[in-house]
Structure formats: structure tokens, C-alpha cells
């Protein structure tokens, strides 16, 4: 046992290496180290240091990225109460807090995000009711409803779409914003619609550089979804459709575009890229109304989402195959003109 280890009847072997190096005043007390002893060891030139108020680093020298993240979470969990007087911890060592923003993206190995060690601040997502002030390298992002955290190397982390919105809210670099958003869908971290929904919820879509980045994001997301649709059709041996076409009545109005169309069976597939919480009435004014029109003409429209194409292509292929087989039992569809889109 070294002089850096708290002398205590309660052993530390149940903690991970990083948890043994970063402890709150309360945790030290539980391990037999009084506040006065901790203060003595944190004096200039001592073996420990206070990295944040009430949070101690049990070695000299700079903190590692892991230690900074844990310190931020422990500081958050140990401070104050909610507005309703409730304790913040919620029974968890880090309470309800989770890492968000650029730190969360760096944890997920985003190549566009600065490395953890270079970040001046760590953003922590907390309930809006928490009474907290930023201190040291810790900043707070508040939310009325917290998402379920995702654990990366034991660190509670905000979902990608939420972390992106929290990062973009603090960024003015248009190039970096665009790179972060497009990387999120290009590398399969999340779907474009989920990112747009979070940006909209955060009221960021009025910023010109964010709007430009979203345009690139949606184009990237659609291209990826189209590629998955091609792979689904060919990988599950469905008949080859006409790809990316427009439909219209002979001599009549345009009926809109579809991503795949089987002319003989009158079956169309369209990729639905609307945001998850988009207003239903707005949606029905676009895709929904077009679908109803096509189906009145006897054309079966199968809606697929980028998420379903990524997570369950076999299921989506089965839906399309069923629609193709069922065409034999339906009344013939109205004749429509098929044009390249």
C-alpha cells in the first residue's frame, strides 16, 4: 500500500483503476480519510490534488481524459439538490448526469471531434431542476427530460443525436459543424432524421451555418439509405425494380417520385426521411397525401425508413416480397407513365 492510497478499513478493490484515482470528499471519508487529512495531502507539492470542489485526484501531475470525465460526473452528482429539494444522486454514483457535447462525440471516436485531452471544457447534461454552476472545466447543459444514457467504457453518455445538438449549440465553425453532422450518418452512429429532430428541439435551425450543414446531412443520409435499399433488393433476391422514378397519369398531373417501382406488380417503395416528431398534419400534406393518391390508383406503396433499412433489412425485404406476391390477387392498377427522376 503506497502513501497515495487512503488508509481505510474499507478496501478499494471493488473500484476500477480510474475510480481509485478520483474520489469525492464523501467517498474518502467512507474509506477512513478525514477532510483534514485530504486537505493536508492536497497541499502544494503534496501527493494528491483537488481537481474540482470536493473532488480529489489521488496522484500528482495532470489528470487523464478518463479522470477528468469521472471528476466532472462526481462533482455534478455531489452538488446541491433539485429545485424540489430532492437529492441529486438518484442512487447512482454519478446521479442522473451524463457526458454530452464534444466530449461525448470524442468518446465515440468521431474523427471530426477534437480529442478529449485537448478539450478545455467537459459538457455535462443534467435535469433542468438541478441548481448547479459551471466551475473549472465543467459546463452544464440542462434538459427538461433526460434521454436514457448510453455507457461507453463505463461512462454515462448522451445519445449521439443529443450530443451533436449540444455540441453544435456552442460551435460557430461552419466547417466543423458540417463535418460532425455528416460523420454521424456516414459512419452509422445515428439517422439524419434523429439529428434534425434534436437540432429543431434545441432551436438551432435558424442559424445559417447549421441550416447549410443540415442540407449536407440530409443529402448524405438519403444517399446512404438509397444504397441500403439497393443492397436489400439485391441481397434478398427481389426482382429488379425501376430505380428512382417519377410517376404521372397519362396526359395528367404528376404523382410524385418513388425510390423503387415494380411496374408489373404496381408496387412502389419510398424512403421516409421525415424527422421522428414531425407534425402529423405536415407529413400528411406531403408523403401521406401522395401515398393515398397512389393507392387509390391501385398502386401499393411500401414505406421504409433509413433506420429500418439499417437495422432490419430482412424484415423490410419480406414486406416488399409480400406486396409483390399479393399483386396477383388485386385488381389491375391504373396505367401510369414512368419517367426517370
Protein backbone atom coordinates (compact mmCIF):
# COMPACT_ATOMS: atom_id res chain seq x y z
CA UNK A 1 0.00 0.00 0.00
CA UNK A 2 1.50 3.34 -1.06
CA UNK A 3 1.26 6.72 0.68
CA UNK A 4 -1.20 7.74 -2.09
CA UNK A 5 -3.79 5.18 -1.06
CA UNK A 6 -6.37 6.10 1.61
CA UNK A 7 -5.80 4.11 4.77
CA UNK A 8 -9.16 2.61 5.48
CA UNK A 9 -10.93 -0.43 6.86
CA UNK A 10 -12.95 -0.39 3.64
CA UNK A 11 -10.82 -1.69 0.70
CA UNK A 12 -10.74 -0.12 -2.75
CA UNK A 13 -10.51 -3.32 -4.79
CA UNK A 14 -14.19 -3.05 -5.77
CA UNK A 15 -13.39 0.13 -7.72
CA UNK A 16 -11.86 0.37 -11.19
CA UNK A 17 -8.39 1.84 -11.60
CA UNK A 18 -9.72 5.26 -12.57
CA UNK A 19 -12.28 5.21 -9.74
CA UNK A 20 -9.46 4.59 -7.26
CA UNK A 21 -7.68 7.69 -8.52
CA UNK A 22 -10.65 10.07 -8.41
CA UNK A 23 -12.75 10.25 -5.24
CA UNK A 24 -15.05 12.79 -3.65
CA UNK A 25 -14.61 14.09 -0.11
CA UNK A 26 -17.52 11.92 0.97
CA UNK A 27 -16.04 8.79 -0.64
CA UNK A 28 -12.72 9.44 1.07
CA UNK A 29 -14.49 9.83 4.39
CA UNK A 30 -16.24 6.49 3.82
CA UNK A 31 -12.77 4.98 3.33
CA UNK A 32 -11.48 6.45 6.57
CA UNK A 33 -9.85 9.63 5.29
CA UNK A 34 -10.98 12.78 7.09
CA UNK A 35 -11.38 16.14 5.39
CA UNK A 36 -8.34 17.49 7.24
CA UNK A 37 -6.15 14.60 6.07
CA UNK A 38 -7.37 15.07 2.49
CA UNK A 39 -6.64 18.80 2.67
CA UNK A 40 -3.13 18.07 4.01
CA UNK A 41 -2.39 15.69 1.14
CA UNK A 42 -3.70 18.23 -1.41
CA UNK A 43 -1.29 20.97 -0.30
CA UNK A 44 1.13 22.35 -2.91
CA UNK A 45 3.72 19.66 -3.60
CA UNK A 46 1.58 17.01 -1.90
CA UNK A 47 0.75 13.57 -3.31
CA UNK A 48 -2.87 14.47 -4.11
CA UNK A 49 -4.68 17.44 -5.63
CA UNK A 50 -8.20 18.85 -5.64
CA UNK A 51 -9.28 18.71 -9.27
CA UNK A 52 -12.75 20.19 -8.64
CA UNK A 53 -14.51 21.40 -5.48
CA UNK A 54 -15.00 18.32 -3.33
CA UNK A 55 -13.31 16.01 -5.85
CA UNK A 56 -9.77 14.76 -5.33
CA UNK A 57 -7.21 13.32 -7.71
CA UNK A 58 -5.08 10.82 -5.81
CA UNK A 59 -1.83 11.45 -7.63
CA UNK A 60 0.27 14.47 -8.63
CA UNK A 61 0.52 15.68 -12.20
CA UNK A 62 -2.10 16.26 -14.91
CA UNK A 63 -5.37 14.32 -14.91
CA UNK A 64 -6.00 11.88 -17.74
CA UNK A 65 -9.05 12.28 -20.00
CA UNK A 66 -10.81 9.45 -18.14
CA UNK A 67 -10.11 11.11 -14.80
CA UNK A 68 -11.49 14.44 -15.97
CA UNK A 69 -14.72 12.81 -17.17
CA UNK A 70 -15.19 10.93 -13.93
CA UNK A 71 -14.36 14.02 -11.88
CA UNK A 72 -16.96 16.05 -13.81
CA UNK A 73 -19.64 13.43 -13.17
CA UNK A 74 -18.74 13.01 -9.48
CA UNK A 75 -18.73 16.76 -8.94
CA UNK A 76 -22.16 17.03 -10.58
CA UNK A 77 -23.63 14.20 -8.52
CA UNK A 78 -22.26 15.57 -5.26
CA UNK A 79 -23.51 19.15 -5.55
CA UNK A 80 -26.71 20.56 -4.13
CA UNK A 81 -30.29 19.42 -4.58
CA UNK A 82 -33.01 19.66 -7.16
CA UNK A 83 -35.44 22.57 -7.11
CA UNK A 84 -37.91 20.31 -5.35
CA UNK A 85 -35.41 19.56 -2.59
CA UNK A 86 -34.69 16.04 -3.81
CA UNK A 87 -31.21 14.56 -3.60
CA UNK A 88 -29.40 14.59 -6.95
CA UNK A 89 -27.80 11.19 -6.83
CA UNK A 90 -30.82 9.02 -7.59
CA UNK A 91 -28.96 6.05 -6.12
CA UNK A 92 -26.33 6.10 -8.86
CA UNK A 93 -22.66 7.02 -8.26
CA UNK A 94 -22.89 9.72 -10.93
CA UNK A 95 -26.55 10.57 -10.34
CA UNK A 96 -28.59 11.41 -13.42
CA UNK A 97 -25.74 13.26 -15.11
CA UNK A 98 -24.21 12.19 -18.40
CA UNK A 99 -21.43 13.44 -20.68
CA UNK A 100 -22.64 15.30 -23.77
CA UNK A 101 -21.34 17.67 -26.46
CA UNK A 102 -17.88 17.31 -27.99
CA UNK A 103 -16.62 15.13 -25.12
CA UNK A 104 -19.35 12.57 -25.83
CA UNK A 105 -18.51 12.59 -29.55
CA UNK A 106 -14.81 12.18 -28.80
CA UNK A 107 -15.68 9.18 -26.59
CA UNK A 108 -17.36 7.66 -29.66
CA UNK A 109 -14.20 8.23 -31.68
CA UNK A 110 -15.62 10.85 -34.04
CA UNK A 111 -12.67 11.76 -36.25
CA UNK A 112 -14.10 15.27 -36.68
CA UNK A 113 -14.27 15.93 -32.93
CA UNK A 114 -11.20 17.25 -31.09
CA UNK A 115 -9.55 14.60 -28.90
CA UNK A 116 -10.66 14.50 -25.28
CA UNK A 117 -7.28 15.63 -23.98
CA UNK A 118 -7.49 18.86 -26.00
CA UNK A 119 -10.92 19.96 -24.78
CA UNK A 120 -10.96 22.94 -22.43
CA UNK A 121 -14.41 22.01 -21.14
CA UNK A 122 -16.47 18.90 -20.47
CA UNK A 123 -20.21 19.36 -21.01
CA UNK A 124 -22.49 17.51 -18.59
CA UNK A 125 -26.19 17.02 -19.30
CA UNK A 126 -28.37 17.41 -16.19
CA UNK A 127 -32.06 17.88 -15.32
CA UNK A 128 -33.27 21.45 -15.56
CA UNK A 129 -34.20 21.36 -11.87
CA UNK A 130 -30.59 20.96 -10.71
CA UNK A 131 -29.05 24.02 -9.09
CA UNK A 132 -25.53 23.97 -10.48
CA UNK A 133 -22.92 26.45 -11.58
CA UNK A 134 -20.14 25.82 -14.03
CA UNK A 135 -16.73 25.53 -12.41
CA UNK A 136 -13.24 24.67 -13.60
CA UNK A 137 -13.51 22.63 -16.79
CA UNK A 138 -17.14 21.57 -16.16
CA UNK A 139 -20.06 23.17 -18.00
CA UNK A 140 -23.71 22.21 -17.68
CA UNK A 141 -26.39 21.64 -20.27
CA UNK A 142 -29.91 21.44 -18.88
CA UNK A 143 -32.88 19.48 -20.19
CA UNK A 144 -36.49 19.11 -19.11
CA UNK A 145 -36.40 15.40 -19.89
CA UNK A 146 -33.13 13.48 -19.98
CA UNK A 147 -32.55 10.79 -22.60
CA UNK A 148 -31.53 7.33 -21.47
CA UNK A 149 -27.72 7.34 -21.16
CA UNK A 150 -25.54 5.03 -23.21
CA UNK A 151 -22.48 3.68 -21.40
CA UNK A 152 -19.09 3.89 -23.11
CA UNK A 153 -16.23 2.39 -21.13
CA UNK A 154 -18.45 2.74 -18.08
CA UNK A 155 -19.13 6.45 -18.69
CA UNK A 156 -22.80 7.52 -18.98
CA UNK A 157 -23.03 9.36 -22.29
CA UNK A 158 -25.82 11.18 -24.11
CA UNK A 159 -27.12 9.52 -27.32
CA UNK A 160 -25.33 10.73 -30.46
CA UNK A 161 -28.12 12.97 -31.77
CA UNK A 162 -28.45 14.76 -28.43
CA UNK A 163 -24.67 15.09 -28.02
CA UNK A 164 -24.46 16.58 -31.53
CA UNK A 165 -27.14 19.17 -30.76
CA UNK A 166 -25.38 20.15 -27.54
CA UNK A 167 -22.05 20.43 -29.37
CA UNK A 168 -23.49 22.43 -32.28
CA UNK A 169 -25.17 24.86 -29.85
CA UNK A 170 -21.70 26.06 -28.77
CA UNK A 171 -19.96 25.96 -32.16
CA UNK A 172 -19.59 28.76 -34.71
CA UNK A 173 -17.17 26.93 -37.02
CA UNK A 174 -19.37 26.06 -40.03
CA UNK A 175 -16.87 23.54 -41.41
CA UNK A 176 -16.64 21.64 -38.12
CA UNK A 177 -20.43 21.60 -37.71
CA UNK A 178 -20.86 20.18 -41.20
CA UNK A 179 -18.19 17.52 -40.64
CA UNK A 180 -19.68 16.41 -37.33
CA UNK A 181 -23.20 16.11 -38.74
CA UNK A 182 -22.24 14.23 -41.89
CA UNK A 183 -19.92 11.89 -39.98
CA UNK A 184 -22.77 10.95 -37.66
CA UNK A 185 -24.72 9.34 -40.51
CA UNK A 186 -21.82 8.30 -42.74
CA UNK A 187 -20.42 6.05 -40.01
CA UNK A 188 -23.78 4.75 -38.83
CA UNK A 189 -23.87 6.49 -35.44
CA UNK A 190 -27.48 7.61 -35.96
CA UNK A 191 -30.04 8.57 -38.59
CA UNK A 192 -30.25 12.01 -40.17
CA UNK A 193 -33.88 12.47 -39.09
CA UNK A 194 -32.97 11.96 -35.42
CA UNK A 195 -30.24 14.62 -35.66
CA UNK A 196 -32.57 17.11 -37.35
CA UNK A 197 -35.21 16.48 -34.67
CA UNK A 198 -32.72 17.27 -31.89
CA UNK A 199 -31.43 20.38 -33.68
CA UNK A 200 -35.01 21.55 -34.14
CA UNK A 201 -35.83 20.88 -30.49
CA UNK A 202 -32.78 22.94 -29.49
CA UNK A 203 -33.95 25.76 -31.81
CA UNK A 204 -30.75 25.71 -33.80
CA UNK A 205 -32.24 25.52 -37.30
CA UNK A 206 -32.43 29.30 -37.56
CA UNK A 207 -28.64 29.58 -37.66
CA UNK A 208 -27.43 29.84 -41.29
CA UNK A 209 -24.33 27.68 -40.83
CA UNK A 210 -26.46 24.98 -39.16
CA UNK A 211 -29.03 25.07 -41.99
CA UNK A 212 -26.25 24.59 -44.55
CA UNK A 213 -24.86 21.67 -42.56
CA UNK A 214 -28.32 20.09 -42.28
CA UNK A 215 -28.73 20.24 -46.07
CA UNK A 216 -25.49 18.28 -46.42
CA UNK A 217 -26.58 15.91 -43.65
CA UNK A 218 -29.92 15.11 -45.31
CA UNK A 219 -28.25 14.55 -48.68
CA UNK A 220 -25.74 12.22 -47.03
CA UNK A 221 -28.49 10.39 -45.14
CA UNK A 222 -30.62 9.90 -48.25
CA UNK A 223 -27.67 8.62 -50.29
CA UNK A 224 -26.84 6.09 -47.58
CA UNK A 225 -30.48 4.98 -47.29
CA UNK A 226 -30.72 4.55 -51.08
CA UNK A 227 -27.59 2.42 -51.01
CA UNK A 228 -29.11 0.24 -48.29
CA UNK A 229 -32.29 -0.11 -50.35
CA UNK A 230 -30.26 -1.31 -53.34
CA UNK A 231 -28.44 -3.79 -51.11
CA UNK A 232 -31.71 -5.03 -49.62
CA UNK A 233 -33.30 -5.69 -53.01
CA UNK A 234 -30.27 -7.45 -54.48
CA UNK A 235 -29.14 -9.17 -51.31
CA UNK A 236 -32.57 -10.76 -50.78
CA UNK A 237 -33.07 -11.65 -54.46
CA UNK A 238 -36.10 -9.47 -55.10
CA UNK A 239 -36.99 -8.72 -58.72
CA UNK A 240 -35.11 -5.71 -60.08
CA UNK A 241 -37.31 -2.59 -59.95
CA UNK A 242 -37.12 0.68 -61.83
CA UNK A 243 -34.97 2.87 -59.61
CA UNK A 244 -35.62 6.47 -58.61
CA UNK A 245 -38.51 7.33 -60.96
CA UNK A 246 -41.37 9.81 -61.24
CA UNK A 247 -44.95 8.70 -61.84
CA UNK A 248 -47.75 10.61 -63.57
CA UNK A 249 -51.09 9.92 -65.16
CA UNK A 250 -51.13 9.89 -69.00
CA UNK A 251 -51.68 13.49 -70.03
CA UNK A 252 -52.43 14.30 -66.41
CA UNK A 253 -50.74 15.64 -63.30
CA UNK A 254 -47.53 14.34 -61.78
CA UNK A 255 -47.99 11.82 -58.98
CA UNK A 256 -44.56 12.31 -57.42
CA UNK A 257 -41.33 10.37 -57.24
CA UNK A 258 -40.63 7.00 -55.69
CA UNK A 259 -37.34 5.30 -54.88
CA UNK A 260 -38.20 1.94 -56.48
CA UNK A 261 -41.11 0.82 -58.66
CA UNK A 262 -42.16 -2.61 -59.88
CA UNK A 263 -44.27 -1.77 -62.93
CA UNK A 264 -45.90 -5.18 -63.48
CA UNK A 265 -46.96 -5.56 -59.85
CA UNK A 266 -47.69 -1.83 -59.33
CA UNK A 267 -45.65 -1.75 -56.13
CA UNK A 268 -43.66 1.31 -55.10
CA UNK A 269 -41.12 1.79 -52.31
CA UNK A 270 -40.43 5.18 -50.82
CA UNK A 271 -37.82 6.05 -48.21
CA UNK A 272 -39.38 8.16 -45.47
CA UNK A 273 -36.80 10.62 -44.20
CA UNK A 274 -39.11 12.82 -42.13
CA UNK A 275 -38.00 13.67 -38.61
CA UNK A 276 -39.40 11.33 -35.94
CA UNK A 277 -41.50 14.01 -34.22
CA UNK A 278 -42.56 15.93 -37.31
CA UNK A 279 -46.13 17.14 -37.11
CA UNK A 280 -48.50 14.50 -38.50
CA UNK A 281 -50.58 17.08 -40.37
CA UNK A 282 -47.48 18.40 -42.13
CA UNK A 283 -46.50 14.85 -43.06
CA UNK A 284 -49.94 14.03 -44.46
CA UNK A 285 -49.68 17.11 -46.63
CA UNK A 286 -46.68 15.54 -48.35
CA UNK A 287 -45.86 11.87 -48.28
CA UNK A 288 -49.15 10.76 -46.74
CA UNK A 289 -51.30 12.55 -49.34
CA UNK A 290 -49.20 11.19 -52.21
CA UNK A 291 -49.43 7.67 -50.82
CA UNK A 292 -53.22 7.87 -50.57
CA UNK A 293 -53.43 9.13 -54.16
CA UNK A 294 -51.27 6.29 -55.49
CA UNK A 295 -53.17 3.67 -53.56
CA UNK A 296 -56.48 4.95 -54.97
CA UNK A 297 -54.97 4.18 -58.37
CA UNK A 298 -54.24 0.61 -57.25
CA UNK A 299 -50.52 1.13 -56.59
CA UNK A 300 -49.23 -0.38 -53.35
CA UNK A 301 -46.82 1.94 -51.56
CA UNK A 302 -44.35 0.46 -49.08
CA UNK A 303 -42.79 2.99 -46.73
CA UNK A 304 -39.34 2.22 -45.34
CA UNK A 305 -37.20 4.33 -43.04
CA UNK A 306 -33.41 4.66 -43.06
CA UNK A 307 -33.35 3.14 -39.56
CA UNK A 308 -35.33 0.06 -40.62
CA UNK A 309 -33.15 -0.40 -43.70
CA UNK A 310 -30.11 -0.36 -41.44
CA UNK A 311 -31.40 -2.46 -38.55
CA UNK A 312 -33.82 -4.93 -40.16
CA UNK A 313 -33.28 -5.22 -43.95
CA UNK A 314 -34.52 -8.83 -43.94
CA UNK A 315 -37.85 -7.73 -42.43
CA UNK A 316 -38.22 -4.93 -44.97
CA UNK A 317 -37.43 -7.31 -47.82
CA UNK A 318 -40.16 -9.65 -46.57
CA UNK A 319 -42.68 -6.78 -46.57
CA UNK A 320 -41.80 -5.86 -50.16
CA UNK A 321 -41.88 -9.51 -51.27
CA UNK A 322 -45.34 -9.93 -49.72
CA UNK A 323 -46.61 -6.86 -51.57
CA UNK A 324 -45.23 -8.20 -54.87
CA UNK A 325 -46.86 -11.61 -54.35
CA UNK A 326 -50.18 -10.06 -53.30
CA UNK A 327 -50.33 -8.11 -56.57
CA UNK A 328 -51.65 -11.21 -58.36
CA UNK A 329 -54.83 -11.09 -56.25
CA UNK A 330 -55.53 -7.38 -56.72
CA UNK A 331 -57.46 -5.55 -59.40
CA UNK A 332 -55.15 -4.21 -62.10
CA UNK A 333 -53.81 -0.77 -61.26
CA UNK A 334 -54.46 2.31 -63.34
CA UNK A 335 -51.90 2.88 -66.07
CA UNK A 336 -49.26 5.42 -65.11
CA UNK A 337 -46.35 6.88 -67.03
CA UNK A 338 -42.93 6.16 -65.52
CA UNK A 339 -40.19 8.74 -66.03
CA UNK A 340 -36.61 8.96 -64.76
CA UNK A 341 -36.15 11.27 -61.79
